[in-house]
Amino acid sequence: MATLSIEQAQTQARALLDSRIESVTALVKARQRVADLKEQLAEAEKDDKRAYVRATKDGWSADELKKLGLENSAAGRRRSATRKTSSTPQADEEHTRVENQPRQGE
């Protein structure tokens, strides 16, 4: 069996760790980019909402803006968010109570 020196073992271990560190570094950079873009999107959506409100204050009706292809995007987001909830807190509470009741004969 060939013997390895401590230096060789450390070098090989570092090479393995370096490749793993590179992948984690890439992941962190990607996640940061996603966070930055989400922040930019949130700002753009605020600007869009302000511009829409400004247009309506300047006399444009919602129907006129819609005909121009400029629907109120904030209203659409609110509606879709309410559809996502599938259960109510009361239903969840009742489900939990039923699960926590002892079975007959226990």
PDB file of N, CA and C in Angstrom:
ATOM      1  N   MET A   1       0.848  -1.173   0.000  1.00  0.00           N
ATOM      2  CA  MET A   1       0.000   0.000   0.000  1.00  0.00           C
ATOM      3  C   MET A   1       0.895   1.238   0.000  1.00  0.00           C
ATOM      4  N   ALA A   2       0.598   2.160  -0.890  1.00  0.00           N
ATOM      5  CA  ALA A   2       1.402   3.374  -0.990  1.00  0.00           C
ATOM      6  C   ALA A   2       1.055   4.296   0.168  1.00  0.00           C
ATOM      7  N   THR A   3       2.058   4.940   0.673  1.00  0.00           N
ATOM      8  CA  THR A   3       1.819   5.876   1.769  1.00  0.00           C
ATOM      9  C   THR A   3       1.716   7.286   1.209  1.00  0.00           C
ATOM     10  N   LEU A   4       0.813   8.037   1.786  1.00  0.00           N
ATOM     11  CA  LEU A   4       0.636   9.428   1.395  1.00  0.00           C
ATOM     12  C   LEU A   4       1.255  10.314   2.456  1.00  0.00           C
ATOM     13  N   SER A   5       1.826  11.370   1.987  1.00  0.00           N
ATOM     14  CA  SER A   5       2.341  12.328   2.957  1.00  0.00           C
ATOM     15  C   SER A   5       1.179  13.202   3.425  1.00  0.00           C
ATOM     16  N   ILE A   6       1.389  13.811   4.546  1.00  0.00           N
ATOM     17  CA  ILE A   6       0.366  14.714   5.087  1.00  0.00           C
ATOM     18  C   ILE A   6       0.093  15.834   4.095  1.00  0.00           C
ATOM     19  N   GLU A   7       1.149  16.345   3.478  1.00  0.00           N
ATOM     20  CA  GLU A   7       0.993  17.445   2.531  1.00  0.00           C
ATOM     21  C   GLU A   7       0.150  17.019   1.324  1.00  0.00           C
ATOM     22  N   GLN A   8       0.395  15.803   0.821  1.00  0.00           N
ATOM     23  CA  GLN A   8      -0.379  15.315  -0.324  1.00  0.00           C
ATOM     24  C   GLN A   8      -1.856  15.147   0.052  1.00  0.00           C
ATOM     25  N   ALA A   9      -2.101  14.607   1.219  1.00  0.00           N
ATOM     26  CA  ALA A   9      -3.476  14.407   1.679  1.00  0.00           C
ATOM     27  C   ALA A   9      -4.185  15.748   1.833  1.00  0.00           C
ATOM     28  N   GLN A  10      -3.490  16.714   2.405  1.00  0.00           N
ATOM     29  CA  GLN A  10      -4.084  18.036   2.580  1.00  0.00           C
ATOM     30  C   GLN A  10      -4.362  18.699   1.231  1.00  0.00           C
ATOM     31  N   THR A  11      -3.443  18.547   0.297  1.00  0.00           N
ATOM     32  CA  THR A  11      -3.623  19.133  -1.030  1.00  0.00           C
ATOM     33  C   THR A  11      -4.835  18.525  -1.725  1.00  0.00           C
ATOM     34  N   GLN A  12      -4.965  17.207  -1.638  1.00  0.00           N
ATOM     35  CA  GLN A  12      -6.104  16.542  -2.259  1.00  0.00           C
ATOM     36  C   GLN A  12      -7.419  16.941  -1.575  1.00  0.00           C
ATOM     37  N   ALA A  13      -7.372  17.022  -0.267  1.00  0.00           N
ATOM     38  CA  ALA A  13      -8.574  17.419   0.479  1.00  0.00           C
ATOM     39  C   ALA A  13      -8.977  18.846   0.123  1.00  0.00           C
ATOM     40  N   ARG A  14      -7.987  19.741   0.022  1.00  0.00           N
ATOM     41  CA  ARG A  14      -8.289  21.133  -0.343  1.00  0.00           C
ATOM     42  C   ARG A  14      -8.884  21.217  -1.744  1.00  0.00           C
ATOM     43  N   ALA A  15      -8.368  20.415  -2.663  1.00  0.00           N
ATOM     44  CA  ALA A  15      -8.896  20.413  -4.032  1.00  0.00           C
ATOM     45  C   ALA A  15     -10.364  19.992  -4.032  1.00  0.00           C
ATOM     46  N   LEU A  16     -10.676  18.982  -3.239  1.00  0.00           N
ATOM     47  CA  LEU A  16     -12.071  18.545  -3.141  1.00  0.00           C
ATOM     48  C   LEU A  16     -12.943  19.631  -2.513  1.00  0.00           C
ATOM     49  N   LEU A  17     -12.442  20.234  -1.454  1.00  0.00           N
ATOM     50  CA  LEU A  17     -13.204  21.293  -0.789  1.00  0.00           C
ATOM     51  C   LEU A  17     -13.365  22.512  -1.687  1.00  0.00           C
ATOM     52  N   ASP A  18     -12.313  22.852  -2.431  1.00  0.00           N
ATOM     53  CA  ASP A  18     -12.392  24.019  -3.311  1.00  0.00           C
ATOM     54  C   ASP A  18     -13.510  23.869  -4.333  1.00  0.00           C
ATOM     55  N   SER A  19     -13.646  22.678  -4.903  1.00  0.00           N
ATOM     56  CA  SER A  19     -14.715  22.490  -5.887  1.00  0.00           C
ATOM     57  C   SER A  19     -16.087  22.606  -5.217  1.00  0.00           C
ATOM     58  N   ARG A  20     -16.198  22.134  -4.002  1.00  0.00           N
ATOM     59  CA  ARG A  20     -17.463  22.249  -3.275  1.00  0.00           C
ATOM     60  C   ARG A  20     -17.731  23.698  -2.891  1.00  0.00           C
ATOM     61  N   ILE A  21     -16.691  24.404  -2.506  1.00  0.00           N
ATOM     62  CA  ILE A  21     -16.841  25.813  -2.141  1.00  0.00           C
ATOM     63  C   ILE A  21     -17.252  26.625  -3.361  1.00  0.00           C
ATOM     64  N   GLU A  22     -16.709  26.287  -4.534  1.00  0.00           N
ATOM     65  CA  GLU A  22     -17.074  26.998  -5.759  1.00  0.00           C
ATOM     66  C   GLU A  22     -18.564  26.852  -6.053  1.00  0.00           C
ATOM     67  N   SER A  23     -19.103  25.659  -5.853  1.00  0.00           N
ATOM     68  CA  SER A  23     -20.529  25.464  -6.137  1.00  0.00           C
ATOM     69  C   SER A  23     -21.398  26.223  -5.140  1.00  0.00           C
ATOM     70  N   VAL A  24     -20.975  26.272  -3.893  1.00  0.00           N
ATOM     71  CA  VAL A  24     -21.733  27.031  -2.890  1.00  0.00           C
ATOM     72  C   VAL A  24     -21.630  28.523  -3.183  1.00  0.00           C
ATOM     73  N   THR A  25     -20.463  28.972  -3.607  1.00  0.00           N
ATOM     74  CA  THR A  25     -20.281  30.377  -3.964  1.00  0.00           C
ATOM     75  C   THR A  25     -21.205  30.747  -5.119  1.00  0.00           C
ATOM     76  N   ALA A  26     -21.275  29.885  -6.125  1.00  0.00           N
ATOM     77  CA  ALA A  26     -22.170  30.132  -7.263  1.00  0.00           C
ATOM     78  C   ALA A  26     -23.622  30.178  -6.803  1.00  0.00           C
ATOM     79  N   LEU A  27     -23.985  29.295  -5.886  1.00  0.00           N
ATOM     80  CA  LEU A  27     -25.353  29.272  -5.362  1.00  0.00           C
ATOM     81  C   LEU A  27     -25.671  30.556  -4.609  1.00  0.00           C
ATOM     82  N   VAL A  28     -24.749  31.008  -3.774  1.00  0.00           N
ATOM     83  CA  VAL A  28     -24.961  32.242  -3.009  1.00  0.00           C
ATOM     84  C   VAL A  28     -25.113  33.426  -3.960  1.00  0.00           C
ATOM     85  N   LYS A  29     -24.276  33.477  -4.999  1.00  0.00           N
ATOM     86  CA  LYS A  29     -24.374  34.575  -5.969  1.00  0.00           C
ATOM     87  C   LYS A  29     -25.718  34.542  -6.690  1.00  0.00           C
ATOM     88  N   ALA A  30     -26.162  33.347  -7.063  1.00  0.00           N
ATOM     89  CA  ALA A  30     -27.450  33.221  -7.748  1.00  0.00           C
ATOM     90  C   ALA A  30     -28.594  33.649  -6.837  1.00  0.00           C
ATOM     91  N   ARG A  31     -28.545  33.226  -5.579  1.00  0.00           N
ATOM     92  CA  ARG A  31     -29.609  33.601  -4.631  1.00  0.00           C
ATOM     93  C   ARG A  31     -29.618  35.110  -4.398  1.00  0.00           C
ATOM     94  N   GLN A  32     -28.424  35.707  -4.323  1.00  0.00           N
ATOM     95  CA  GLN A  32     -28.353  37.150  -4.125  1.00  0.00           C
ATOM     96  C   GLN A  32     -28.924  37.879  -5.333  1.00  0.00           C
ATOM     97  N   ARG A  33     -28.629  37.361  -6.522  1.00  0.00           N
ATOM     98  CA  ARG A  33     -29.170  37.967  -7.743  1.00  0.00           C
ATOM     99  C   ARG A  33     -30.694  37.888  -7.738  1.00  0.00           C
ATOM    100  N   VAL A  34     -31.237  36.750  -7.333  1.00  0.00           N
ATOM    101  CA  VAL A  34     -32.694  36.597  -7.247  1.00  0.00           C
ATOM    102  C   VAL A  34     -33.265  37.611  -6.259  1.00  0.00           C
ATOM    103  N   ALA A  35     -32.628  37.752  -5.100  1.00  0.00           N
ATOM    104  CA  ALA A  35     -33.104  38.708  -4.093  1.00  0.00           C
ATOM    105  C   ALA A  35     -33.049  40.133  -4.641  1.00  0.00           C
ATOM    106  N   ASP A  36     -31.958  40.467  -5.328  1.00  0.00           N
ATOM    107  CA  ASP A  36     -31.828  41.805  -5.909  1.00  0.00           C
ATOM    108  C   ASP A  36     -32.906  42.061  -6.956  1.00  0.00           C
ATOM    109  N   LEU A  37     -33.148  41.067  -7.811  1.00  0.00           N
ATOM    110  CA  LEU A  37     -34.164  41.232  -8.853  1.00  0.00           C
ATOM    111  C   LEU A  37     -35.567  41.327  -8.263  1.00  0.00           C
ATOM    112  N   LYS A  38     -35.833  40.572  -7.189  1.00  0.00           N
ATOM    113  CA  LYS A  38     -37.136  40.676  -6.519  1.00  0.00           C
ATOM    114  C   LYS A  38     -37.327  42.080  -5.961  1.00  0.00           C
ATOM    115  N   GLU A  39     -36.260  42.629  -5.401  1.00  0.00           N
ATOM    116  CA  GLU A  39     -36.325  43.987  -4.858  1.00  0.00           C
ATOM    117  C   GLU A  39     -36.582  44.988  -5.982  1.00  0.00           C
ATOM    118  N   GLN A  40     -35.882  44.813  -7.109  1.00  0.00           N
ATOM    119  CA  GLN A  40     -36.100  45.693  -8.256  1.00  0.00           C
ATOM    120  C   GLN A  40     -37.522  45.560  -8.784  1.00  0.00           C
ATOM    121  N   LEU A  41     -38.034  44.332  -8.819  1.00  0.00           N
ATOM    122  CA  LEU A  41     -39.402  44.100  -9.280  1.00  0.00           C
ATOM    123  C   LEU A  41     -40.404  44.789  -8.356  1.00  0.00           C
ATOM    124  N   ALA A  42     -40.185  44.691  -7.052  1.00  0.00           N
ATOM    125  CA  ALA A  42     -41.087  45.337  -6.097  1.00  0.00           C
ATOM    126  C   ALA A  42     -41.103  46.850  -6.321  1.00  0.00           C
ATOM    127  N   GLU A  43     -39.934  47.435  -6.551  1.00  0.00           N
ATOM    128  CA  GLU A  43     -39.858  48.874  -6.822  1.00  0.00           C
ATOM    129  C   GLU A  43     -40.569  49.215  -8.128  1.00  0.00           C
ATOM    130  N   ALA A  44     -40.359  48.401  -9.156  1.00  0.00           N
ATOM    131  CA  ALA A  44     -41.007  48.643 -10.448  1.00  0.00           C
ATOM    132  C   ALA A  44     -42.521  48.542 -10.317  1.00  0.00           C
ATOM    133  N   GLU A  45     -42.994  47.591  -9.514  1.00  0.00           N
ATOM    134  CA  GLU A  45     -44.439  47.451  -9.309  1.00  0.00           C
ATOM    135  C   GLU A  45     -45.007  48.656  -8.570  1.00  0.00           C
ATOM    136  N   LYS A  46     -44.250  49.186  -7.602  1.00  0.00           N
ATOM    137  CA  LYS A  46     -44.699  50.403  -6.908  1.00  0.00           C
ATOM    138  C   LYS A  46     -44.778  51.568  -7.888  1.00  0.00           C
ATOM    139  N   ASP A  47     -43.751  51.695  -8.753  1.00  0.00           N
ATOM    140  CA  ASP A  47     -43.748  52.758  -9.758  1.00  0.00           C
ATOM    141  C   ASP A  47     -44.927  52.606 -10.711  1.00  0.00           C
ATOM    142  N   ASP A  48     -45.216  51.365 -11.107  1.00  0.00           N
ATOM    143  CA  ASP A  48     -46.339  51.087 -12.001  1.00  0.00           C
ATOM    144  C   ASP A  48     -47.653  51.507 -11.352  1.00  0.00           C
ATOM    145  N   LYS A  49     -47.805  51.177 -10.082  1.00  0.00           N
ATOM    146  CA  LYS A  49     -49.041  51.527  -9.368  1.00  0.00           C
ATOM    147  C   LYS A  49     -49.188  53.043  -9.279  1.00  0.00           C
ATOM    148  N   ARG A  50     -48.086  53.727  -8.952  1.00  0.00           N
ATOM    149  CA  ARG A  50     -48.133  55.192  -8.864  1.00  0.00           C
ATOM    150  C   ARG A  50     -48.499  55.800 -10.223  1.00  0.00           C
ATOM    151  N   ALA A  51     -47.906  55.267 -11.283  1.00  0.00           N
ATOM    152  CA  ALA A  51     -48.177  55.787 -12.621  1.00  0.00           C
ATOM    153  C   ALA A  51     -49.626  55.542 -13.019  1.00  0.00           C
ATOM    154  N   TYR A  52     -50.169  54.401 -12.649  1.00  0.00           N
ATOM    155  CA  TYR A  52     -51.569  54.093 -12.959  1.00  0.00           C
ATOM    156  C   TYR A  52     -52.493  55.062 -12.217  1.00  0.00           C
ATOM    157  N   VAL A  53     -52.217  55.263 -10.936  1.00  0.00           N
ATOM    158  CA  VAL A  53     -53.029  56.193 -10.145  1.00  0.00           C
ATOM    159  C   VAL A  53     -52.936  57.592 -10.744  1.00  0.00           C
ATOM    160  N   ARG A  54     -51.735  57.982 -11.135  1.00  0.00           N
ATOM    161  CA  ARG A  54     -51.543  59.303 -11.743  1.00  0.00           C
ATOM    162  C   ARG A  54     -52.359  59.431 -13.033  1.00  0.00           C
ATOM    163  N   ALA A  55     -52.360  58.376 -13.843  1.00  0.00           N
ATOM    164  CA  ALA A  55     -53.119  58.408 -15.098  1.00  0.00           C
ATOM    165  C   ALA A  55     -54.613  58.561 -14.824  1.00  0.00           C
ATOM    166  N   THR A  56     -55.111  57.865 -13.792  1.00  0.00           N
ATOM    167  CA  THR A  56     -56.540  57.992 -13.473  1.00  0.00           C
ATOM    168  C   THR A  56     -56.852  59.373 -12.903  1.00  0.00           C
ATOM    169  N   LYS A  57     -55.923  59.937 -12.152  1.00  0.00           N
ATOM    170  CA  LYS A  57     -56.134  61.296 -11.627  1.00  0.00           C
ATOM    171  C   LYS A  57     -56.079  62.329 -12.744  1.00  0.00           C
ATOM    172  N   ASP A  58     -55.346  62.013 -13.810  1.00  0.00           N
ATOM    173  CA  ASP A  58     -55.259  62.922 -14.953  1.00  0.00           C
ATOM    174  C   ASP A  58     -56.443  62.771 -15.905  1.00  0.00           C
ATOM    175  N   GLY A  59     -57.428  61.946 -15.520  1.00  0.00           N
ATOM    176  CA  GLY A  59     -58.653  61.870 -16.290  1.00  0.00           C
ATOM    177  C   GLY A  59     -58.864  60.592 -17.079  1.00  0.00           C
ATOM    178  N   TRP A  60     -57.908  59.704 -17.098  1.00  0.00           N
ATOM    179  CA  TRP A  60     -58.092  58.443 -17.814  1.00  0.00           C
ATOM    180  C   TRP A  60     -58.964  57.516 -16.978  1.00  0.00           C
ATOM    181  N   SER A  61     -59.963  56.910 -17.625  1.00  0.00           N
ATOM    182  CA  SER A  61     -60.797  55.948 -16.904  1.00  0.00           C
ATOM    183  C   SER A  61     -60.133  54.579 -16.969  1.00  0.00           C
ATOM    184  N   ALA A  62     -60.553  53.704 -16.061  1.00  0.00           N
ATOM    185  CA  ALA A  62     -60.007  52.344 -16.055  1.00  0.00           C
ATOM    186  C   ALA A  62     -60.318  51.643 -17.371  1.00  0.00           C
ATOM    187  N   ASP A  63     -61.524  51.881 -17.925  1.00  0.00           N
ATOM    188  CA  ASP A  63     -61.895  51.262 -19.204  1.00  0.00           C
ATOM    189  C   ASP A  63     -61.020  51.775 -20.346  1.00  0.00           C
ATOM    190  N   GLU A  64     -60.758  53.071 -20.356  1.00  0.00           N
ATOM    191  CA  GLU A  64     -59.903  53.635 -21.409  1.00  0.00           C
ATOM    192  C   GLU A  64     -58.498  53.052 -21.336  1.00  0.00           C
ATOM    193  N   LEU A  65     -57.967  52.972 -20.139  1.00  0.00           N
ATOM    194  CA  LEU A  65     -56.626  52.409 -19.977  1.00  0.00           C
ATOM    195  C   LEU A  65     -56.609  50.938 -20.376  1.00  0.00           C
ATOM    196  N   LYS A  66     -57.678  50.227 -20.035  1.00  0.00           N
ATOM    197  CA  LYS A  66     -57.774  48.806 -20.390  1.00  0.00           C
ATOM    198  C   LYS A  66     -57.784  48.637 -21.907  1.00  0.00           C
ATOM    199  N   LYS A  67     -58.511  49.512 -22.619  1.00  0.00           N
ATOM    200  CA  LYS A  67     -58.550  49.453 -24.081  1.00  0.00           C
ATOM    201  C   LYS A  67     -57.170  49.700 -24.684  1.00  0.00           C
ATOM    202  N   LEU A  68     -56.341  50.441 -23.982  1.00  0.00           N
ATOM    203  CA  LEU A  68     -54.972  50.700 -24.440  1.00  0.00           C
ATOM    204  C   LEU A  68     -54.013  49.577 -24.041  1.00  0.00           C
ATOM    205  N   GLY A  69     -54.557  48.561 -23.368  1.00  0.00           N
ATOM    206  CA  GLY A  69     -53.715  47.448 -22.919  1.00  0.00           C
ATOM    207  C   GLY A  69     -53.034  47.724 -21.593  1.00  0.00           C
ATOM    208  N   LEU A  70     -53.558  48.705 -20.873  1.00  0.00           N
ATOM    209  CA  LEU A  70     -52.947  49.114 -19.602  1.00  0.00           C
ATOM    210  C   LEU A  70     -53.895  48.842 -18.443  1.00  0.00           C
ATOM    211  N   GLU A  71     -54.167  47.570 -18.216  1.00  0.00           N
ATOM    212  CA  GLU A  71     -55.045  47.209 -17.106  1.00  0.00           C
ATOM    213  C   GLU A  71     -54.353  47.500 -15.786  1.00  0.00           C
ATOM    214  N   ASN A  72     -55.162  47.635 -14.747  1.00  0.00           N
ATOM    215  CA  ASN A  72     -54.624  47.857 -13.411  1.00  0.00           C
ATOM    216  C   ASN A  72     -53.989  46.561 -12.933  1.00  0.00           C
ATOM    217  N   SER A  73     -52.685  46.467 -13.021  1.00  0.00           N
ATOM    218  CA  SER A  73     -51.992  45.221 -12.666  1.00  0.00           C
ATOM    219  C   SER A  73     -52.093  44.914 -11.178  1.00  0.00           C
ATOM    220  N   ALA A  74     -52.228  45.911 -10.336  1.00  0.00           N
ATOM    221  CA  ALA A  74     -52.334  45.670  -8.891  1.00  0.00           C
ATOM    222  C   ALA A  74     -53.616  44.927  -8.563  1.00  0.00           C
ATOM    223  N   ALA A  75     -54.705  45.245  -9.247  1.00  0.00           N
ATOM    224  CA  ALA A  75     -55.974  44.568  -8.981  1.00  0.00           C
ATOM    225  C   ALA A  75     -55.878  43.100  -9.354  1.00  0.00           C
ATOM    226  N   GLY A  76     -55.213  42.792 -10.443  1.00  0.00           N
ATOM    227  CA  GLY A  76     -55.051  41.404 -10.864  1.00  0.00           C
ATOM    228  C   GLY A  76     -54.245  40.601  -9.869  1.00  0.00           C
ATOM    229  N   ARG A  77     -53.215  41.182  -9.313  1.00  0.00           N
ATOM    230  CA  ARG A  77     -52.384  40.476  -8.328  1.00  0.00           C
ATOM    231  C   ARG A  77     -53.174  40.194  -7.061  1.00  0.00           C
ATOM    232  N   ARG A  78     -53.992  41.145  -6.643  1.00  0.00           N
ATOM    233  CA  ARG A  78     -54.755  40.926  -5.418  1.00  0.00           C
ATOM    234  C   ARG A  78     -55.736  39.777  -5.587  1.00  0.00           C
ATOM    235  N   ARG A  79     -56.414  39.726  -6.724  1.00  0.00           N
ATOM    236  CA  ARG A  79     -57.388  38.669  -6.946  1.00  0.00           C
ATOM    237  C   ARG A  79     -56.718  37.308  -6.947  1.00  0.00           C
ATOM    238  N   SER A  80     -55.583  37.167  -7.607  1.00  0.00           N
ATOM    239  CA  SER A  80     -54.941  35.857  -7.683  1.00  0.00           C
ATOM    240  C   SER A  80     -54.421  35.418  -6.319  1.00  0.00           C
ATOM    241  N   ALA A  81     -54.029  36.349  -5.490  1.00  0.00           N
ATOM    242  CA  ALA A  81     -53.516  35.988  -4.172  1.00  0.00           C
ATOM    243  C   ALA A  81     -54.620  35.407  -3.295  1.00  0.00           C
ATOM    244  N   THR A  82     -55.837  35.902  -3.445  1.00  0.00           N
ATOM    245  CA  THR A  82     -56.918  35.393  -2.605  1.00  0.00           C
ATOM    246  C   THR A  82     -57.345  34.000  -3.033  1.00  0.00           C
ATOM    247  N   ARG A  83     -57.133  33.635  -4.292  1.00  0.00           N
ATOM    248  CA  ARG A  83     -57.508  32.306  -4.763  1.00  0.00           C
ATOM    249  C   ARG A  83     -56.589  31.225  -4.239  1.00  0.00           C
ATOM    250  N   LYS A  84     -55.393  31.572  -3.846  1.00  0.00           N
ATOM    251  CA  LYS A  84     -54.414  30.574  -3.437  1.00  0.00           C
ATOM    252  C   LYS A  84     -54.748  29.921  -2.101  1.00  0.00           C
ATOM    253  N   THR A  85     -55.462  30.613  -1.244  1.00  0.00           N
ATOM    254  CA  THR A  85     -55.764  30.045   0.066  1.00  0.00           C
ATOM    255  C   THR A  85     -56.814  28.968  -0.093  1.00  0.00           C
ATOM    256  N   SER A  86     -56.482  27.762   0.337  1.00  0.00           N
ATOM    257  CA  SER A  86     -57.392  26.645   0.134  1.00  0.00           C
ATOM    258  C   SER A  86     -58.154  26.276   1.397  1.00  0.00           C
ATOM    259  N   SER A  87     -57.658  26.672   2.542  1.00  0.00           N
ATOM    260  CA  SER A  87     -58.366  26.335   3.770  1.00  0.00           C
ATOM    261  C   SER A  87     -58.424  27.556   4.667  1.00  0.00           C
ATOM    262  N   THR A  88     -59.363  27.509   5.567  1.00  0.00           N
ATOM    263  CA  THR A  88     -59.521  28.606   6.501  1.00  0.00           C
ATOM    264  C   THR A  88     -58.866  28.233   7.814  1.00  0.00           C
ATOM    265  N   PRO A  89     -58.481  29.217   8.615  1.00  0.00           N
ATOM    266  CA  PRO A  89     -57.902  28.886   9.922  1.00  0.00           C
ATOM    267  C   PRO A  89     -58.858  28.061  10.772  1.00  0.00           C
ATOM    268  N   GLN A  90     -60.166  28.342  10.660  1.00  0.00           N
ATOM    269  CA  GLN A  90     -61.147  27.589  11.445  1.00  0.00           C
ATOM    270  C   GLN A  90     -61.145  26.125  11.021  1.00  0.00           C
ATOM    271  N   ALA A  91     -61.089  25.865   9.719  1.00  0.00           N
ATOM    272  CA  ALA A  91     -61.063  24.483   9.233  1.00  0.00           C
ATOM    273  C   ALA A  91     -59.797  23.781   9.704  1.00  0.00           C
ATOM    274  N   ASP A  92     -58.663  24.480   9.671  1.00  0.00           N
ATOM    275  CA  ASP A  92     -57.415  23.891  10.147  1.00  0.00           C
ATOM    276  C   ASP A  92     -57.504  23.558  11.629  1.00  0.00           C
ATOM    277  N   GLU A  93     -58.123  24.466  12.407  1.00  0.00           N
ATOM    278  CA  GLU A  93     -58.257  24.254  13.845  1.00  0.00           C
ATOM    279  C   GLU A  93     -59.133  23.037  14.127  1.00  0.00           C
ATOM    280  N   GLU A  94     -60.251  22.915  13.395  1.00  0.00           N
ATOM    281  CA  GLU A  94     -61.139  21.772  13.598  1.00  0.00           C
ATOM    282  C   GLU A  94     -60.440  20.475  13.228  1.00  0.00           C
ATOM    283  N   HIS A  95     -59.656  20.490  12.149  1.00  0.00           N
ATOM    284  CA  HIS A  95     -58.914  19.302  11.722  1.00  0.00           C
ATOM    285  C   HIS A  95     -57.924  18.889  12.809  1.00  0.00           C
ATOM    286  N   THR A  96     -57.257  19.859  13.408  1.00  0.00           N
ATOM    287  CA  THR A  96     -56.288  19.571  14.463  1.00  0.00           C
ATOM    288  C   THR A  96     -56.982  18.991  15.684  1.00  0.00           C
ATOM    289  N   ARG A  97     -58.158  19.559  16.048  1.00  0.00           N
ATOM    290  CA  ARG A  97     -58.880  19.047  17.207  1.00  0.00           C
ATOM    291  C   ARG A  97     -59.279  17.596  16.998  1.00  0.00           C
ATOM    292  N   VAL A  98     -59.744  17.259  15.811  1.00  0.00           N
ATOM    293  CA  VAL A  98     -60.160  15.886  15.518  1.00  0.00           C
ATOM    294  C   VAL A  98     -58.961  14.958  15.609  1.00  0.00           C
ATOM    295  N   GLU A  99     -57.814  15.373  15.081  1.00  0.00           N
ATOM    296  CA  GLU A  99     -56.615  14.529  15.123  1.00  0.00           C
ATOM    297  C   GLU A  99     -56.131  14.303  16.547  1.00  0.00           C
ATOM    298  N   ASN A 100     -56.308  15.294  17.413  1.00  0.00           N
ATOM    299  CA  ASN A 100     -55.776  15.205  18.770  1.00  0.00           C
ATOM    300  C   ASN A 100     -56.714  14.500  19.747  1.00  0.00           C
ATOM    301  N   GLN A 101     -57.922  14.166  19.309  1.00  0.00           N
ATOM    302  CA  GLN A 101     -58.842  13.466  20.201  1.00  0.00           C
ATOM    303  C   GLN A 101     -58.391  12.017  20.346  1.00  0.00           C
ATOM    304  N   PRO A 102     -58.474  11.476  21.563  1.00  0.00           N
ATOM    305  CA  PRO A 102     -58.079  10.072  21.741  1.00  0.00           C
ATOM    306  C   PRO A 102     -59.072   9.152  21.048  1.00  0.00           C
ATOM    307  N   ARG A 103     -58.565   8.050  20.531  1.00  0.00           N
ATOM    308  CA  ARG A 103     -59.428   7.060  19.881  1.00  0.00           C
ATOM    309  C   ARG A 103     -60.151   6.269  20.949  1.00  0.00           C
ATOM    310  N   GLN A 104     -61.311   5.738  20.574  1.00  0.00           N
ATOM    311  CA  GLN A 104     -62.062   4.940  21.537  1.00  0.00           C
ATOM    312  C   GLN A 104     -61.268   3.695  21.886  1.00  0.00           C
ATOM    313  N   GLY A 105     -61.268   3.366  23.132  1.00  0.00           N
ATOM    314  CA  GLY A 105     -60.560   2.183  23.595  1.00  0.00           C
ATOM    315  C   GLY A 105     -59.122   2.460  23.999  1.00  0.00           C
ATOM    316  N   GLU A 106     -58.671   3.718  23.862  1.00  0.00           N
ATOM    317  CA  GLU A 106     -57.282   4.030  24.260  1.00  0.00           C
ATOM    318  C   GLU A 106     -57.241   4.518  25.680  1.00  0.00           C
TER     319      GLU A 106
END
